[in-house]
All heavy atoms as atom14 arrays in JSON, in Angstrom:
{
  "sequence": "KNRNNEILKILSDKKKIGVKKLSEILGVSQVTMRKDLDALSERGLIIR",
  "atom14_mask": [
    [1, 1, 1, 1, 1, 1, 1, 1, 1, 0, 0, 0, 0, 0],
    [1, 1, 1, 1, 1, 1, 1, 1, 0, 0, 0, 0, 0, 0],
    [1, 1, 1, 1, 1, 1, 1, 1, 1, 1, 1, 0, 0, 0],
    [1, 1, 1, 1, 1, 1, 1, 1, 0, 0, 0, 0, 0, 0],
    [1, 1, 1, 1, 1, 1, 1, 1, 0, 0, 0, 0, 0, 0],
    [1, 1, 1, 1, 1, 1, 1, 1, 1, 0, 0, 0, 0, 0],
    [1, 1, 1, 1, 1, 1, 1, 1, 0, 0, 0, 0, 0, 0],
    [1, 1, 1, 1, 1, 1, 1, 1, 0, 0, 0, 0, 0, 0],
    [1, 1, 1, 1, 1, 1, 1, 1, 1, 0, 0, 0, 0, 0],
    [1, 1, 1, 1, 1, 1, 1, 1, 0, 0, 0, 0, 0, 0],
    [1, 1, 1, 1, 1, 1, 1, 1, 0, 0, 0, 0, 0, 0],
    [1, 1, 1, 1, 1, 1, 0, 0, 0, 0, 0, 0, 0, 0],
    [1, 1, 1, 1, 1, 1, 1, 1, 0, 0, 0, 0, 0, 0],
    [1, 1, 1, 1, 1, 1, 1, 1, 1, 0, 0, 0, 0, 0],
    [1, 1, 1, 1, 1, 1, 1, 1, 1, 0, 0, 0, 0, 0],
    [1, 1, 1, 1, 1, 1, 1, 1, 1, 0, 0, 0, 0, 0],
    [1, 1, 1, 1, 1, 1, 1, 1, 0, 0, 0, 0, 0, 0],
    [1, 1, 1, 1, 0, 0, 0, 0, 0, 0, 0, 0, 0, 0],
    [1, 1, 1, 1, 1, 1, 1, 0, 0, 0, 0, 0, 0, 0],
    [1, 1, 1, 1, 1, 1, 1, 1, 1, 0, 0, 0, 0, 0],
    [1, 1, 1, 1, 1, 1, 1, 1, 1, 0, 0, 0, 0, 0],
    [1, 1, 1, 1, 1, 1, 1, 1, 0, 0, 0, 0, 0, 0],
    [1, 1, 1, 1, 1, 1, 0, 0, 0, 0, 0, 0, 0, 0],
    [1, 1, 1, 1, 1, 1, 1, 1, 1, 0, 0, 0, 0, 0],
    [1, 1, 1, 1, 1, 1, 1, 1, 0, 0, 0, 0, 0, 0],
    [1, 1, 1, 1, 1, 1, 1, 1, 0, 0, 0, 0, 0, 0],
    [1, 1, 1, 1, 0, 0, 0, 0, 0, 0, 0, 0, 0, 0],
    [1, 1, 1, 1, 1, 1, 1, 0, 0, 0, 0, 0, 0, 0],
    [1, 1, 1, 1, 1, 1, 0, 0, 0, 0, 0, 0, 0, 0],
    [1, 1, 1, 1, 1, 1, 1, 1, 1, 0, 0, 0, 0, 0],
    [1, 1, 1, 1, 1, 1, 1, 0, 0, 0, 0, 0, 0, 0],
    [1, 1, 1, 1, 1, 1, 1, 0, 0, 0, 0, 0, 0, 0],
    [1, 1, 1, 1, 1, 1, 1, 1, 0, 0, 0, 0, 0, 0],
    [1, 1, 1, 1, 1, 1, 1, 1, 1, 1, 1, 0, 0, 0],
    [1, 1, 1, 1, 1, 1, 1, 1, 1, 0, 0, 0, 0, 0],
    [1, 1, 1, 1, 1, 1, 1, 1, 0, 0, 0, 0, 0, 0],
    [1, 1, 1, 1, 1, 1, 1, 1, 0, 0, 0, 0, 0, 0],
    [1, 1, 1, 1, 1, 1, 1, 1, 0, 0, 0, 0, 0, 0],
    [1, 1, 1, 1, 1, 0, 0, 0, 0, 0, 0, 0, 0, 0],
    [1, 1, 1, 1, 1, 1, 1, 1, 0, 0, 0, 0, 0, 0],
    [1, 1, 1, 1, 1, 1, 0, 0, 0, 0, 0, 0, 0, 0],
    [1, 1, 1, 1, 1, 1, 1, 1, 1, 0, 0, 0, 0, 0],
    [1, 1, 1, 1, 1, 1, 1, 1, 1, 1, 1, 0, 0, 0],
    [1, 1, 1, 1, 0, 0, 0, 0, 0, 0, 0, 0, 0, 0],
    [1, 1, 1, 1, 1, 1, 1, 1, 0, 0, 0, 0, 0, 0],
    [1, 1, 1, 1, 1, 1, 1, 1, 0, 0, 0, 0, 0, 0],
    [1, 1, 1, 1, 1, 1, 1, 1, 0, 0, 0, 0, 0, 0],
    [1, 1, 1, 1, 1, 1, 1, 1, 1, 1, 1, 0, 0, 0]
  ],
  "atom14_positions": [
    [[22.6, 12.92, 7.57], [21.94, 14.12, 7.04], [21.66, 15.12, 8.15], [21.88, 16.32, 8.0], [20.64, 13.74, 6.34], [20.83, 13.15, 4.96], [19.5, 12.92, 4.29], [19.69, 12.35, 2.89], [18.42, 12.11, 2.2], [0.0, 0.0, 0.0], [0.0, 0.0, 0.0], [0.0, 0.0, 0.0], [0.0, 0.0, 0.0], [0.0, 0.0, 0.0]],
    [[21.18, 14.61, 9.31], [20.9, 15.51, 10.42], [22.17, 16.18, 10.92], [22.15, 17.36, 11.28], [20.22, 14.74, 11.56], [18.79, 14.37, 11.23], [18.17, 15.0, 10.37], [18.27, 13.34, 11.86], [0.0, 0.0, 0.0], [0.0, 0.0, 0.0], [0.0, 0.0, 0.0], [0.0, 0.0, 0.0], [0.0, 0.0, 0.0], [0.0, 0.0, 0.0]],
    [[23.28, 15.43, 10.94], [24.55, 16.02, 11.39], [25.02, 17.08, 10.4], [25.52, 18.13, 10.8], [25.6, 14.93, 11.59], [26.85, 15.44, 12.32], [27.71, 14.33, 12.86], [28.25, 13.48, 11.82], [27.98, 12.19, 11.68], [27.16, 11.6, 12.53], [28.53, 11.48, 10.72], [0.0, 0.0, 0.0], [0.0, 0.0, 0.0], [0.0, 0.0, 0.0]],
    [[24.86, 16.81, 9.12], [25.22, 17.82, 8.12], [24.42, 19.1, 8.31], [24.95, 20.21, 8.18], [24.99, 17.27, 6.71], [26.08, 16.3, 6.29], [27.11, 16.2, 6.94], [25.83, 15.57, 5.22], [0.0, 0.0, 0.0], [0.0, 0.0, 0.0], [0.0, 0.0, 0.0], [0.0, 0.0, 0.0], [0.0, 0.0, 0.0], [0.0, 0.0, 0.0]],
    [[23.13, 18.94, 8.61], [22.29, 20.11, 8.86], [22.8, 20.89, 10.06], [22.81, 22.14, 10.06], [20.84, 19.68, 9.1], [20.19, 19.14, 7.85], [20.66, 19.38, 6.75], [19.11, 18.4, 8.02], [0.0, 0.0, 0.0], [0.0, 0.0, 0.0], [0.0, 0.0, 0.0], [0.0, 0.0, 0.0], [0.0, 0.0, 0.0], [0.0, 0.0, 0.0]],
    [[23.22, 20.18, 11.11], [23.75, 20.84, 12.3], [25.06, 21.57, 11.99], [25.29, 22.67, 12.48], [23.98, 19.8, 13.42], [22.71, 19.32, 14.09], [21.96, 20.47, 14.76], [22.59, 21.26, 15.48], [20.74, 20.58, 14.54], [0.0, 0.0, 0.0], [0.0, 0.0, 0.0], [0.0, 0.0, 0.0], [0.0, 0.0, 0.0], [0.0, 0.0, 0.0]],
    [[25.91, 20.95, 11.18], [27.17, 21.59, 10.79], [26.88, 22.92, 10.08], [27.47, 23.96, 10.38], [28.0, 20.67, 9.88], [28.5, 19.46, 10.67], [29.19, 21.43, 9.28], [29.08, 18.35, 9.8], [0.0, 0.0, 0.0], [0.0, 0.0, 0.0], [0.0, 0.0, 0.0], [0.0, 0.0, 0.0], [0.0, 0.0, 0.0], [0.0, 0.0, 0.0]],
    [[25.95, 22.89, 9.12], [25.62, 24.1, 8.35], [24.97, 25.16, 9.24], [25.2, 26.36, 9.05], [24.71, 23.73, 7.19], [25.39, 22.89, 6.09], [24.36, 22.39, 5.09], [26.49, 23.67, 5.39], [0.0, 0.0, 0.0], [0.0, 0.0, 0.0], [0.0, 0.0, 0.0], [0.0, 0.0, 0.0], [0.0, 0.0, 0.0], [0.0, 0.0, 0.0]],
    [[24.17, 24.71, 10.19], [23.54, 25.64, 11.12], [24.6, 26.36, 11.96], [24.55, 27.58, 12.16], [22.56, 24.9, 12.02], [21.72, 25.78, 12.92], [20.72, 24.95, 13.7], [19.88, 25.82, 14.62], [18.91, 25.01, 15.41], [0.0, 0.0, 0.0], [0.0, 0.0, 0.0], [0.0, 0.0, 0.0], [0.0, 0.0, 0.0], [0.0, 0.0, 0.0]],
    [[25.58, 25.6, 12.45], [26.67, 26.17, 13.26], [27.5, 27.15, 12.41], [27.85, 28.25, 12.85], [27.55, 25.06, 13.84], [26.77, 24.26, 14.9], [28.83, 25.63, 14.45], [27.41, 22.94, 15.3], [0.0, 0.0, 0.0], [0.0, 0.0, 0.0], [0.0, 0.0, 0.0], [0.0, 0.0, 0.0], [0.0, 0.0, 0.0], [0.0, 0.0, 0.0]],
    [[27.79, 26.76, 11.18], [28.6, 27.62, 10.31], [27.85, 28.89, 9.9], [28.46, 29.94, 9.71], [29.03, 26.85, 9.06], [30.25, 25.95, 9.24], [30.49, 25.12, 8.0], [31.49, 26.78, 9.56], [0.0, 0.0, 0.0], [0.0, 0.0, 0.0], [0.0, 0.0, 0.0], [0.0, 0.0, 0.0], [0.0, 0.0, 0.0], [0.0, 0.0, 0.0]],
    [[26.53, 28.8, 9.78], [25.75, 30.0, 9.47], [25.91, 31.04, 10.57], [25.88, 32.24, 10.32], [24.26, 29.64, 9.32], [24.06, 28.89, 8.15], [0.0, 0.0, 0.0], [0.0, 0.0, 0.0], [0.0, 0.0, 0.0], [0.0, 0.0, 0.0], [0.0, 0.0, 0.0], [0.0, 0.0, 0.0], [0.0, 0.0, 0.0], [0.0, 0.0, 0.0]],
    [[26.12, 30.56, 11.79], [26.29, 31.46, 12.94], [27.75, 31.88, 13.11], [28.07, 33.06, 13.3], [25.78, 30.77, 14.2], [25.93, 31.62, 15.44], [25.52, 32.81, 15.39], [26.45, 31.14, 16.46], [0.0, 0.0, 0.0], [0.0, 0.0, 0.0], [0.0, 0.0, 0.0], [0.0, 0.0, 0.0], [0.0, 0.0, 0.0], [0.0, 0.0, 0.0]],
    [[28.67, 30.91, 13.03], [30.08, 31.16, 13.35], [30.91, 31.64, 12.15], [31.95, 32.28, 12.33], [30.72, 29.88, 13.9], [30.05, 29.3, 15.14], [30.29, 30.15, 16.35], [29.75, 29.44, 17.61], [29.91, 30.28, 18.81], [0.0, 0.0, 0.0], [0.0, 0.0, 0.0], [0.0, 0.0, 0.0], [0.0, 0.0, 0.0], [0.0, 0.0, 0.0]],
    [[30.5, 31.26, 10.94], [31.21, 31.56, 9.68], [32.48, 30.73, 9.51], [32.77, 30.26, 8.42], [31.57, 33.05, 9.54], [30.42, 34.01, 9.81], [29.21, 33.74, 8.96], [28.1, 34.71, 9.28], [26.81, 34.33, 8.68], [0.0, 0.0, 0.0], [0.0, 0.0, 0.0], [0.0, 0.0, 0.0], [0.0, 0.0, 0.0], [0.0, 0.0, 0.0]],
    [[33.25, 30.52, 10.59], [34.46, 29.71, 10.54], [34.64, 29.01, 11.88], [34.45, 29.62, 12.93], [35.68, 30.59, 10.24], [37.01, 29.83, 10.17], [38.15, 30.77, 9.8], [39.48, 30.03, 9.74], [40.61, 30.91, 9.32], [0.0, 0.0, 0.0], [0.0, 0.0, 0.0], [0.0, 0.0, 0.0], [0.0, 0.0, 0.0], [0.0, 0.0, 0.0]],
    [[35.0, 27.71, 11.83], [35.15, 26.97, 13.08], [36.16, 25.85, 12.88], [36.27, 25.28, 11.79], [33.79, 26.41, 13.58], [33.92, 25.85, 15.01], [33.24, 25.36, 12.62], [32.59, 25.54, 15.65], [0.0, 0.0, 0.0], [0.0, 0.0, 0.0], [0.0, 0.0, 0.0], [0.0, 0.0, 0.0], [0.0, 0.0, 0.0], [0.0, 0.0, 0.0]],
    [[36.93, 25.53, 13.93], [37.91, 24.46, 13.86], [37.26, 23.09, 13.86], [36.2, 22.89, 14.46], [0.0, 0.0, 0.0], [0.0, 0.0, 0.0], [0.0, 0.0, 0.0], [0.0, 0.0, 0.0], [0.0, 0.0, 0.0], [0.0, 0.0, 0.0], [0.0, 0.0, 0.0], [0.0, 0.0, 0.0], [0.0, 0.0, 0.0], [0.0, 0.0, 0.0]],
    [[37.91, 22.14, 13.19], [37.38, 20.78, 13.12], [37.29, 20.16, 14.52], [36.3, 19.49, 14.85], [38.29, 19.91, 12.21], [37.85, 18.44, 12.25], [38.26, 20.44, 10.79], [0.0, 0.0, 0.0], [0.0, 0.0, 0.0], [0.0, 0.0, 0.0], [0.0, 0.0, 0.0], [0.0, 0.0, 0.0], [0.0, 0.0, 0.0], [0.0, 0.0, 0.0]],
    [[38.3, 20.39, 15.34], [38.3, 19.84, 16.7], [37.11, 20.37, 17.5], [36.39, 19.6, 18.15], [39.61, 20.2, 17.41], [39.7, 19.63, 18.83], [41.03, 20.0, 19.48], [41.09, 19.45, 20.91], [42.37, 19.85, 21.57], [0.0, 0.0, 0.0], [0.0, 0.0, 0.0], [0.0, 0.0, 0.0], [0.0, 0.0, 0.0], [0.0, 0.0, 0.0]],
    [[36.89, 21.68, 17.45], [35.78, 22.29, 18.17], [34.45, 21.76, 17.66], [33.54, 21.45, 18.45], [35.84, 23.81, 18.02], [34.73, 24.57, 18.75], [34.85, 24.42, 20.25], [33.84, 25.27, 20.98], [33.9, 25.09, 22.44], [0.0, 0.0, 0.0], [0.0, 0.0, 0.0], [0.0, 0.0, 0.0], [0.0, 0.0, 0.0], [0.0, 0.0, 0.0]],
    [[34.31, 21.63, 16.35], [33.06, 21.16, 15.75], [32.79, 19.72, 16.15], [31.64, 19.34, 16.45], [33.17, 21.28, 14.23], [31.88, 21.24, 13.4], [30.84, 22.23, 13.9], [32.21, 21.51, 11.94], [0.0, 0.0, 0.0], [0.0, 0.0, 0.0], [0.0, 0.0, 0.0], [0.0, 0.0, 0.0], [0.0, 0.0, 0.0], [0.0, 0.0, 0.0]],
    [[33.82, 18.89, 16.19], [33.64, 17.49, 16.59], [33.22, 17.38, 18.05], [32.42, 16.52, 18.43], [34.92, 16.69, 16.34], [35.98, 17.14, 17.15], [0.0, 0.0, 0.0], [0.0, 0.0, 0.0], [0.0, 0.0, 0.0], [0.0, 0.0, 0.0], [0.0, 0.0, 0.0], [0.0, 0.0, 0.0], [0.0, 0.0, 0.0], [0.0, 0.0, 0.0]],
    [[33.73, 18.28, 18.9], [33.34, 18.3, 20.31], [31.88, 18.7, 20.47], [31.14, 18.12, 21.26], [34.24, 19.27, 21.09], [35.67, 18.78, 21.26], [36.58, 19.85, 21.85], [36.1, 21.01, 22.04], [37.76, 19.55, 22.11], [0.0, 0.0, 0.0], [0.0, 0.0, 0.0], [0.0, 0.0, 0.0], [0.0, 0.0, 0.0], [0.0, 0.0, 0.0]],
    [[31.45, 19.72, 19.72], [30.07, 20.19, 19.8], [29.09, 19.09, 19.39], [28.06, 18.88, 20.03], [29.87, 21.44, 18.91], [30.65, 22.63, 19.48], [28.37, 21.81, 18.8], [30.69, 23.84, 18.54], [0.0, 0.0, 0.0], [0.0, 0.0, 0.0], [0.0, 0.0, 0.0], [0.0, 0.0, 0.0], [0.0, 0.0, 0.0], [0.0, 0.0, 0.0]],
    [[29.44, 18.36, 18.34], [28.52, 17.36, 17.78], [28.76, 15.95, 18.32], [28.02, 15.02, 17.99], [28.62, 17.36, 16.25], [28.18, 18.67, 15.58], [28.37, 18.61, 14.08], [26.72, 18.99, 15.91], [0.0, 0.0, 0.0], [0.0, 0.0, 0.0], [0.0, 0.0, 0.0], [0.0, 0.0, 0.0], [0.0, 0.0, 0.0], [0.0, 0.0, 0.0]],
    [[29.79, 15.79, 19.15], [30.0, 14.5, 19.82], [30.43, 13.38, 18.91], [30.02, 12.22, 19.09], [0.0, 0.0, 0.0], [0.0, 0.0, 0.0], [0.0, 0.0, 0.0], [0.0, 0.0, 0.0], [0.0, 0.0, 0.0], [0.0, 0.0, 0.0], [0.0, 0.0, 0.0], [0.0, 0.0, 0.0], [0.0, 0.0, 0.0], [0.0, 0.0, 0.0]],
    [[31.28, 13.69, 17.91], [31.81, 12.65, 17.02], [33.32, 12.82, 16.95], [33.88, 13.82, 17.36], [31.21, 12.75, 15.6], [29.71, 12.5, 15.63], [31.51, 14.1, 14.96], [0.0, 0.0, 0.0], [0.0, 0.0, 0.0], [0.0, 0.0, 0.0], [0.0, 0.0, 0.0], [0.0, 0.0, 0.0], [0.0, 0.0, 0.0], [0.0, 0.0, 0.0]],
    [[33.99, 11.79, 16.4], [35.44, 11.86, 16.29], [35.85, 12.87, 15.22], [35.07, 13.21, 14.32], [36.0, 10.48, 15.93], [35.66, 10.14, 14.59], [0.0, 0.0, 0.0], [0.0, 0.0, 0.0], [0.0, 0.0, 0.0], [0.0, 0.0, 0.0], [0.0, 0.0, 0.0], [0.0, 0.0, 0.0], [0.0, 0.0, 0.0], [0.0, 0.0, 0.0]],
    [[37.09, 13.31, 15.3], [37.6, 14.25, 14.29], [37.69, 13.58, 12.92], [37.51, 14.24, 11.89], [38.96, 14.79, 14.71], [38.9, 15.72, 15.92], [40.23, 16.37, 16.23], [40.89, 16.91, 15.35], [40.65, 16.32, 17.5], [0.0, 0.0, 0.0], [0.0, 0.0, 0.0], [0.0, 0.0, 0.0], [0.0, 0.0, 0.0], [0.0, 0.0, 0.0]],
    [[37.93, 12.27, 12.91], [37.97, 11.53, 11.64], [36.6, 11.58, 10.97], [36.47, 11.86, 9.77], [38.4, 10.07, 11.86], [38.25, 9.26, 10.57], [39.84, 10.01, 12.35], [0.0, 0.0, 0.0], [0.0, 0.0, 0.0], [0.0, 0.0, 0.0], [0.0, 0.0, 0.0], [0.0, 0.0, 0.0], [0.0, 0.0, 0.0], [0.0, 0.0, 0.0]],
    [[35.54, 11.31, 11.75], [34.17, 11.37, 11.23], [33.83, 12.77, 10.78], [33.23, 12.97, 9.72], [33.17, 10.91, 12.3], [33.44, 9.54, 12.62], [31.73, 11.03, 11.82], [0.0, 0.0, 0.0], [0.0, 0.0, 0.0], [0.0, 0.0, 0.0], [0.0, 0.0, 0.0], [0.0, 0.0, 0.0], [0.0, 0.0, 0.0], [0.0, 0.0, 0.0]],
    [[34.24, 13.76, 11.57], [33.94, 15.15, 11.23], [34.62, 15.55, 9.92], [34.03, 16.23, 9.08], [34.37, 16.08, 12.38], [34.01, 17.54, 12.16], [32.25, 17.79, 11.77], [31.48, 16.98, 13.19], [0.0, 0.0, 0.0], [0.0, 0.0, 0.0], [0.0, 0.0, 0.0], [0.0, 0.0, 0.0], [0.0, 0.0, 0.0], [0.0, 0.0, 0.0]],
    [[35.85, 15.14, 9.72], [36.55, 15.47, 8.48], [35.83, 14.86, 7.27], [35.74, 15.48, 6.22], [38.0, 14.98, 8.54], [38.88, 15.79, 9.5], [40.35, 15.44, 9.33], [41.15, 16.07, 10.37], [41.52, 15.45, 11.5], [41.18, 14.19, 11.72], [42.25, 16.11, 12.4], [0.0, 0.0, 0.0], [0.0, 0.0, 0.0], [0.0, 0.0, 0.0]],
    [[35.34, 13.63, 7.43], [34.6, 12.98, 6.33], [33.33, 13.77, 6.0], [32.99, 13.98, 4.84], [34.24, 11.54, 6.71], [35.43, 10.59, 6.72], [35.01, 9.19, 7.11], [36.2, 8.25, 7.12], [35.81, 6.87, 7.56], [0.0, 0.0, 0.0], [0.0, 0.0, 0.0], [0.0, 0.0, 0.0], [0.0, 0.0, 0.0], [0.0, 0.0, 0.0]],
    [[32.62, 14.19, 7.06], [31.4, 14.99, 6.86], [31.72, 16.3, 6.14], [31.02, 16.71, 5.21], [30.73, 15.3, 8.2], [30.1, 14.08, 8.85], [30.01, 13.03, 8.18], [29.69, 14.19, 10.02], [0.0, 0.0, 0.0], [0.0, 0.0, 0.0], [0.0, 0.0, 0.0], [0.0, 0.0, 0.0], [0.0, 0.0, 0.0], [0.0, 0.0, 0.0]],
    [[32.78, 16.96, 6.59], [33.16, 18.26, 6.0], [33.64, 18.1, 4.56], [33.34, 18.94, 3.71], [34.23, 18.92, 6.86], [33.8, 19.35, 8.27], [34.99, 19.86, 9.06], [32.7, 20.39, 8.22], [0.0, 0.0, 0.0], [0.0, 0.0, 0.0], [0.0, 0.0, 0.0], [0.0, 0.0, 0.0], [0.0, 0.0, 0.0], [0.0, 0.0, 0.0]],
    [[34.35, 17.02, 4.29], [34.79, 16.76, 2.91], [33.58, 16.57, 1.99], [33.56, 17.07, 0.85], [35.68, 15.52, 2.85], [37.07, 15.77, 3.42], [37.45, 16.96, 3.55], [37.77, 14.79, 3.74], [0.0, 0.0, 0.0], [0.0, 0.0, 0.0], [0.0, 0.0, 0.0], [0.0, 0.0, 0.0], [0.0, 0.0, 0.0], [0.0, 0.0, 0.0]],
    [[32.56, 15.86, 2.49], [31.34, 15.63, 1.7], [30.61, 16.95, 1.43], [30.14, 17.2, 0.31], [30.42, 14.65, 2.42], [0.0, 0.0, 0.0], [0.0, 0.0, 0.0], [0.0, 0.0, 0.0], [0.0, 0.0, 0.0], [0.0, 0.0, 0.0], [0.0, 0.0, 0.0], [0.0, 0.0, 0.0], [0.0, 0.0, 0.0], [0.0, 0.0, 0.0]],
    [[30.53, 17.81, 2.44], [29.89, 19.12, 2.27], [30.69, 20.01, 1.32], [30.12, 20.77, 0.54], [29.72, 19.81, 3.62], [28.67, 19.19, 4.56], [28.76, 19.83, 5.94], [27.27, 19.34, 4.0], [0.0, 0.0, 0.0], [0.0, 0.0, 0.0], [0.0, 0.0, 0.0], [0.0, 0.0, 0.0], [0.0, 0.0, 0.0], [0.0, 0.0, 0.0]],
    [[32.0, 19.88, 1.39], [32.87, 20.65, 0.49], [32.69, 20.2, -0.96], [32.63, 21.02, -1.88], [34.33, 20.5, 0.92], [35.18, 21.18, 0.04], [0.0, 0.0, 0.0], [0.0, 0.0, 0.0], [0.0, 0.0, 0.0], [0.0, 0.0, 0.0], [0.0, 0.0, 0.0], [0.0, 0.0, 0.0], [0.0, 0.0, 0.0], [0.0, 0.0, 0.0]],
    [[32.58, 18.9, -1.17], [32.38, 18.35, -2.52], [31.05, 18.83, -3.11], [30.92, 18.98, -4.33], [32.42, 16.83, -2.48], [33.82, 16.27, -2.29], [33.83, 14.77, -2.09], [32.75, 14.15, -2.26], [34.89, 14.21, -1.76], [0.0, 0.0, 0.0], [0.0, 0.0, 0.0], [0.0, 0.0, 0.0], [0.0, 0.0, 0.0], [0.0, 0.0, 0.0]],
    [[30.04, 19.06, -2.25], [28.74, 19.55, -2.7], [28.75, 21.07, -2.88], [27.75, 21.66, -3.29], [27.66, 19.15, -1.69], [27.32, 17.68, -1.71], [26.48, 17.28, -0.52], [25.24, 18.04, -0.45], [24.42, 18.0, 0.6], [24.71, 17.26, 1.65], [23.3, 18.7, 0.59], [0.0, 0.0, 0.0], [0.0, 0.0, 0.0], [0.0, 0.0, 0.0]],
    [[29.88, 21.71, -2.58], [30.01, 23.14, -2.79], [29.37, 23.99, -1.72], [29.15, 25.19, -1.91], [0.0, 0.0, 0.0], [0.0, 0.0, 0.0], [0.0, 0.0, 0.0], [0.0, 0.0, 0.0], [0.0, 0.0, 0.0], [0.0, 0.0, 0.0], [0.0, 0.0, 0.0], [0.0, 0.0, 0.0], [0.0, 0.0, 0.0], [0.0, 0.0, 0.0]],
    [[29.09, 23.4, -0.54], [28.4, 24.14, 0.51], [29.34, 24.85, 1.47], [28.96, 25.84, 2.08], [27.49, 23.19, 1.3], [26.35, 22.53, 0.51], [25.58, 21.57, 1.38], [25.42, 23.59, -0.06], [0.0, 0.0, 0.0], [0.0, 0.0, 0.0], [0.0, 0.0, 0.0], [0.0, 0.0, 0.0], [0.0, 0.0, 0.0], [0.0, 0.0, 0.0]],
    [[30.56, 24.34, 1.61], [31.53, 24.95, 2.53], [32.9, 24.97, 1.89], [33.12, 24.34, 0.84], [31.6, 24.2, 3.89], [32.2, 22.8, 3.69], [30.24, 24.13, 4.55], [32.59, 22.11, 4.98], [0.0, 0.0, 0.0], [0.0, 0.0, 0.0], [0.0, 0.0, 0.0], [0.0, 0.0, 0.0], [0.0, 0.0, 0.0], [0.0, 0.0, 0.0]],
    [[33.83, 25.67, 2.54], [35.24, 25.66, 2.13], [36.04, 24.96, 3.24], [35.83, 25.21, 4.43], [35.77, 27.09, 1.94], [35.0, 27.8, 0.82], [37.26, 27.09, 1.64], [35.28, 29.28, 0.73], [0.0, 0.0, 0.0], [0.0, 0.0, 0.0], [0.0, 0.0, 0.0], [0.0, 0.0, 0.0], [0.0, 0.0, 0.0], [0.0, 0.0, 0.0]],
    [[36.92, 24.06, 2.82], [37.8, 23.38, 3.79], [39.18, 24.0, 3.76], [39.77, 24.17, 2.69], [37.89, 21.89, 3.43], [36.62, 21.13, 3.7], [36.48, 20.74, 5.17], [37.27, 19.56, 5.49], [38.28, 19.53, 6.32], [38.66, 20.64, 6.94], [38.93, 18.41, 6.57], [0.0, 0.0, 0.0], [0.0, 0.0, 0.0], [0.0, 0.0, 0.0]]
  ]
}
């Protein structure tokens, strides 16, 4: 949940960001980041 909040906070500022860059900022693998982004997309919060 905290990581999701950080993702949304970053997107509120950047509007658009690459998965690789986002995974580097948050210190997780790109596989984990894609799963997080898919979950946020399913909730209607972001566009993938």
